[in-house]
Amino acid sequence: MTIRKRPAWVWITSIIAVAFGVMTIKSGGIVLFFDGEARSAAGNYVDFVLWFNFIAGFFYVATGVGIWLEKSWALGASITIVTLTILVFGAFQIHVFYGGEYEQRTVVAMSLRTLVWSTITFISWRRFGTPHHITH
């Protein structure tokens, strides 16, 4: 068995994706499934945004592992994550526009998610060109 040295971008990108996913699952899960201080502290959270982010956290972890393993589906997964994040962020903005309650930290969190996954996707795209150029 030959051990191949992974490029720095693989290390950094996959660690960020997995860590971001684990933090997202933990923070969303606490608010969704445990009544108490965390839910109270969350304030006026928006249900569909919270559920999307919680579920997306599992895909962040899986995609981070895929990037680590340099799998062909990882670029497509990151494109899907950033696309859905932008769509949910847009739906959230419509919610706000029509007077829906929200917390300012949701704006910050969704902006950060969009930036992180846009960056992960851009780095992966620059490295591989298209989803078909990654090791299968």
C-alpha atoms as a PDB file:
ATOM      1  CA  MET A   1       0.000   0.000   0.000  1.00  0.00           C
ATOM      2  CA  THR A   2       1.412   3.363  -1.031  1.00  0.00           C
ATOM      3  CA  ILE A   3       0.783   6.326   1.236  1.00  0.00           C
ATOM      4  CA  ARG A   4       0.182   9.457  -0.797  1.00  0.00           C
ATOM      5  CA  LYS A   5       0.821  12.875   0.677  1.00  0.00           C
ATOM      6  CA  ARG A   6      -2.262  15.050   0.467  1.00  0.00           C
ATOM      7  CA  PRO A   7      -1.880  18.648  -0.703  1.00  0.00           C
ATOM      8  CA  ALA A   8      -2.326  21.390   1.918  1.00  0.00           C
ATOM      9  CA  TRP A   9      -5.557  22.571   0.299  1.00  0.00           C
ATOM     10  CA  VAL A  10      -7.088  19.120   0.903  1.00  0.00           C
ATOM     11  CA  TRP A  11      -6.125  19.167   4.581  1.00  0.00           C
ATOM     12  CA  ILE A  12      -7.374  22.689   5.189  1.00  0.00           C
ATOM     13  CA  THR A  13     -10.564  22.456   3.156  1.00  0.00           C
ATOM     14  CA  SER A  14     -11.639  19.086   4.516  1.00  0.00           C
ATOM     15  CA  ILE A  15     -10.921  20.050   8.131  1.00  0.00           C
ATOM     16  CA  ILE A  16     -12.895  23.286   7.755  1.00  0.00           C
ATOM     17  CA  ALA A  17     -15.835  21.460   6.134  1.00  0.00           C
ATOM     18  CA  VAL A  18     -15.960  18.723   8.787  1.00  0.00           C
ATOM     19  CA  ALA A  19     -15.482  21.113  11.734  1.00  0.00           C
ATOM     20  CA  PHE A  20     -18.103  23.482  10.340  1.00  0.00           C
ATOM     21  CA  GLY A  21     -20.468  20.531   9.921  1.00  0.00           C
ATOM     22  CA  VAL A  22     -19.964  19.197  13.434  1.00  0.00           C
ATOM     23  CA  MET A  23     -20.514  22.675  14.931  1.00  0.00           C
ATOM     24  CA  THR A  24     -23.631  23.139  12.788  1.00  0.00           C
ATOM     25  CA  ILE A  25     -25.110  19.787  13.825  1.00  0.00           C
ATOM     26  CA  LYS A  26     -24.387  20.459  17.486  1.00  0.00           C
ATOM     27  CA  SER A  27     -25.730  24.013  17.607  1.00  0.00           C
ATOM     28  CA  GLY A  28     -28.814  23.239  15.505  1.00  0.00           C
ATOM     29  CA  GLY A  29     -29.546  19.986  17.312  1.00  0.00           C
ATOM     30  CA  ILE A  30     -29.473  21.627  20.718  1.00  0.00           C
ATOM     31  CA  VAL A  31     -32.047  24.236  19.658  1.00  0.00           C
ATOM     32  CA  LEU A  32     -34.228  21.759  17.748  1.00  0.00           C
ATOM     33  CA  PHE A  33     -34.293  18.871  20.200  1.00  0.00           C
ATOM     34  CA  PHE A  34     -33.651  20.262  23.674  1.00  0.00           C
ATOM     35  CA  ASP A  35     -35.959  22.723  25.331  1.00  0.00           C
ATOM     36  CA  GLY A  36     -34.225  25.100  27.647  1.00  0.00           C
ATOM     37  CA  GLU A  37     -31.468  27.671  27.756  1.00  0.00           C
ATOM     38  CA  ALA A  38     -30.151  27.110  24.220  1.00  0.00           C
ATOM     39  CA  ARG A  39     -33.609  27.409  22.686  1.00  0.00           C
ATOM     40  CA  SER A  40     -34.368  30.531  24.714  1.00  0.00           C
ATOM     41  CA  ALA A  41     -31.009  32.031  23.779  1.00  0.00           C
ATOM     42  CA  ALA A  42     -31.726  31.353  20.095  1.00  0.00           C
ATOM     43  CA  GLY A  43     -34.486  33.951  20.221  1.00  0.00           C
ATOM     44  CA  ASN A  44     -36.540  34.452  17.071  1.00  0.00           C
ATOM     45  CA  TYR A  45     -34.985  31.700  15.009  1.00  0.00           C
ATOM     46  CA  VAL A  46     -36.572  30.860  11.668  1.00  0.00           C
ATOM     47  CA  ASP A  47     -37.669  27.202  11.600  1.00  0.00           C
ATOM     48  CA  PHE A  48     -36.910  26.420   7.952  1.00  0.00           C
ATOM     49  CA  VAL A  49     -33.447  28.014   8.186  1.00  0.00           C
ATOM     50  CA  LEU A  50     -32.639  26.122  11.374  1.00  0.00           C
ATOM     51  CA  TRP A  51     -33.795  22.781   9.924  1.00  0.00           C
ATOM     52  CA  PHE A  52     -31.925  23.371   6.668  1.00  0.00           C
ATOM     53  CA  ASN A  53     -28.712  24.211   8.492  1.00  0.00           C
ATOM     54  CA  PHE A  54     -29.024  21.234  10.842  1.00  0.00           C
ATOM     55  CA  ILE A  55     -29.548  18.781   7.972  1.00  0.00           C
ATOM     56  CA  ALA A  56     -26.878  20.488   5.857  1.00  0.00           C
ATOM     57  CA  GLY A  57     -24.388  19.927   8.699  1.00  0.00           C
ATOM     58  CA  PHE A  58     -24.393  16.198   7.940  1.00  0.00           C
ATOM     59  CA  PHE A  59     -23.678  16.954   4.282  1.00  0.00           C
ATOM     60  CA  TYR A  60     -20.858  19.315   5.336  1.00  0.00           C
ATOM     61  CA  VAL A  61     -19.223  16.430   7.202  1.00  0.00           C
ATOM     62  CA  ALA A  62     -19.733  13.961   4.342  1.00  0.00           C
ATOM     63  CA  THR A  63     -18.431  16.446   1.783  1.00  0.00           C
ATOM     64  CA  GLY A  64     -15.406  17.210   3.956  1.00  0.00           C
ATOM     65  CA  VAL A  65     -14.628  13.497   4.065  1.00  0.00           C
ATOM     66  CA  GLY A  66     -15.121  13.317   0.294  1.00  0.00           C
ATOM     67  CA  ILE A  67     -12.684  16.195  -0.195  1.00  0.00           C
ATOM     68  CA  TRP A  68     -10.203  14.445   2.119  1.00  0.00           C
ATOM     69  CA  LEU A  69     -10.493  11.288   0.022  1.00  0.00           C
ATOM     70  CA  GLU A  70     -10.489  13.370  -3.208  1.00  0.00           C
ATOM     71  CA  LYS A  71     -13.672  11.692  -4.423  1.00  0.00           C
ATOM     72  CA  SER A  72     -15.422  12.720  -7.634  1.00  0.00           C
ATOM     73  CA  TRP A  73     -18.706  13.532  -5.912  1.00  0.00           C
ATOM     74  CA  ALA A  74     -17.160  16.027  -3.432  1.00  0.00           C
ATOM     75  CA  LEU A  75     -17.085  18.948  -5.866  1.00  0.00           C
ATOM     76  CA  GLY A  76     -20.670  18.281  -6.940  1.00  0.00           C
ATOM     77  CA  ALA A  77     -21.703  18.051  -3.286  1.00  0.00           C
ATOM     78  CA  SER A  78     -20.051  21.374  -2.449  1.00  0.00           C
ATOM     79  CA  ILE A  79     -21.739  23.010  -5.462  1.00  0.00           C
ATOM     80  CA  THR A  80     -25.074  21.632  -4.246  1.00  0.00           C
ATOM     81  CA  ILE A  81     -24.438  22.856  -0.679  1.00  0.00           C
ATOM     82  CA  VAL A  82     -23.570  26.398  -1.734  1.00  0.00           C
ATOM     83  CA  THR A  83     -26.481  26.540  -4.194  1.00  0.00           C
ATOM     84  CA  LEU A  84     -29.031  25.369  -1.620  1.00  0.00           C
ATOM     85  CA  THR A  85     -27.527  27.686   1.005  1.00  0.00           C
ATOM     86  CA  ILE A  86     -27.972  30.660  -1.324  1.00  0.00           C
ATOM     87  CA  LEU A  87     -31.559  29.621  -2.070  1.00  0.00           C
ATOM     88  CA  VAL A  88     -32.417  29.232   1.627  1.00  0.00           C
ATOM     89  CA  PHE A  89     -30.703  32.551   2.373  1.00  0.00           C
ATOM     90  CA  GLY A  90     -32.875  34.122  -0.337  1.00  0.00           C
ATOM     91  CA  ALA A  91     -36.016  32.572   1.153  1.00  0.00           C
ATOM     92  CA  PHE A  92     -34.922  33.892   4.554  1.00  0.00           C
ATOM     93  CA  GLN A  93     -34.535  37.384   3.065  1.00  0.00           C
ATOM     94  CA  ILE A  94     -38.069  37.161   1.673  1.00  0.00           C
ATOM     95  CA  HIS A  95     -39.244  36.106   5.146  1.00  0.00           C
ATOM     96  CA  VAL A  96     -37.566  39.203   6.615  1.00  0.00           C
ATOM     97  CA  PHE A  97     -38.860  41.478   3.845  1.00  0.00           C
ATOM     98  CA  TYR A  98     -42.437  40.465   4.650  1.00  0.00           C
ATOM     99  CA  GLY A  99     -41.987  41.253   8.327  1.00  0.00           C
ATOM    100  CA  GLY A 100     -41.064  37.844   9.692  1.00  0.00           C
ATOM    101  CA  GLU A 101     -39.253  37.800  13.016  1.00  0.00           C
ATOM    102  CA  TYR A 102     -35.584  36.867  12.968  1.00  0.00           C
ATOM    103  CA  GLU A 103     -32.308  37.354  14.769  1.00  0.00           C
ATOM    104  CA  GLN A 104     -29.484  39.403  13.277  1.00  0.00           C
ATOM    105  CA  ARG A 105     -27.113  36.522  13.992  1.00  0.00           C
ATOM    106  CA  THR A 106     -29.042  34.490  11.404  1.00  0.00           C
ATOM    107  CA  VAL A 107     -28.029  37.039   8.771  1.00  0.00           C
ATOM    108  CA  VAL A 108     -24.416  36.755   9.933  1.00  0.00           C
ATOM    109  CA  ALA A 109     -24.526  32.939  10.094  1.00  0.00           C
ATOM    110  CA  MET A 110     -26.055  32.559   6.633  1.00  0.00           C
ATOM    111  CA  SER A 111     -23.560  35.054   5.202  1.00  0.00           C
ATOM    112  CA  LEU A 112     -20.732  33.056   6.788  1.00  0.00           C
ATOM    113  CA  ARG A 113     -22.121  29.745   5.479  1.00  0.00           C
ATOM    114  CA  THR A 114     -22.400  31.211   1.981  1.00  0.00           C
ATOM    115  CA  LEU A 115     -18.851  32.564   2.147  1.00  0.00           C
ATOM    116  CA  VAL A 116     -17.341  29.342   3.545  1.00  0.00           C
ATOM    117  CA  TRP A 117     -19.041  27.054   1.027  1.00  0.00           C
ATOM    118  CA  SER A 118     -18.415  29.428  -1.874  1.00  0.00           C
ATOM    119  CA  THR A 119     -14.736  29.368  -0.926  1.00  0.00           C
ATOM    120  CA  ILE A 120     -14.639  25.573  -0.535  1.00  0.00           C
ATOM    121  CA  THR A 121     -16.359  25.204  -3.903  1.00  0.00           C
ATOM    122  CA  PHE A 122     -14.039  27.713  -5.575  1.00  0.00           C
ATOM    123  CA  ILE A 123     -10.918  26.019  -4.199  1.00  0.00           C
ATOM    124  CA  SER A 124     -12.186  22.607  -5.274  1.00  0.00           C
ATOM    125  CA  TRP A 125     -13.194  23.886  -8.696  1.00  0.00           C
ATOM    126  CA  ARG A 126      -9.794  25.549  -9.235  1.00  0.00           C
ATOM    127  CA  ARG A 127      -8.043  22.339  -8.283  1.00  0.00           C
ATOM    128  CA  PHE A 128     -10.146  19.941 -10.324  1.00  0.00           C
ATOM    129  CA  GLY A 129     -11.819  22.046 -13.015  1.00  0.00           C
ATOM    130  CA  THR A 130     -15.028  20.018 -13.166  1.00  0.00           C
ATOM    131  CA  PRO A 131     -16.564  17.287 -11.034  1.00  0.00           C
ATOM    132  CA  HIS A 132     -15.378  14.695 -13.581  1.00  0.00           C
ATOM    133  CA  HIS A 133     -11.656  15.421 -13.060  1.00  0.00           C
ATOM    134  CA  ILE A 134     -11.500  14.224  -9.451  1.00  0.00           C
ATOM    135  CA  THR A 135     -10.310  10.726  -8.591  1.00  0.00           C
ATOM    136  CA  HIS A 136     -13.253   8.294  -8.681  1.00  0.00           C
END
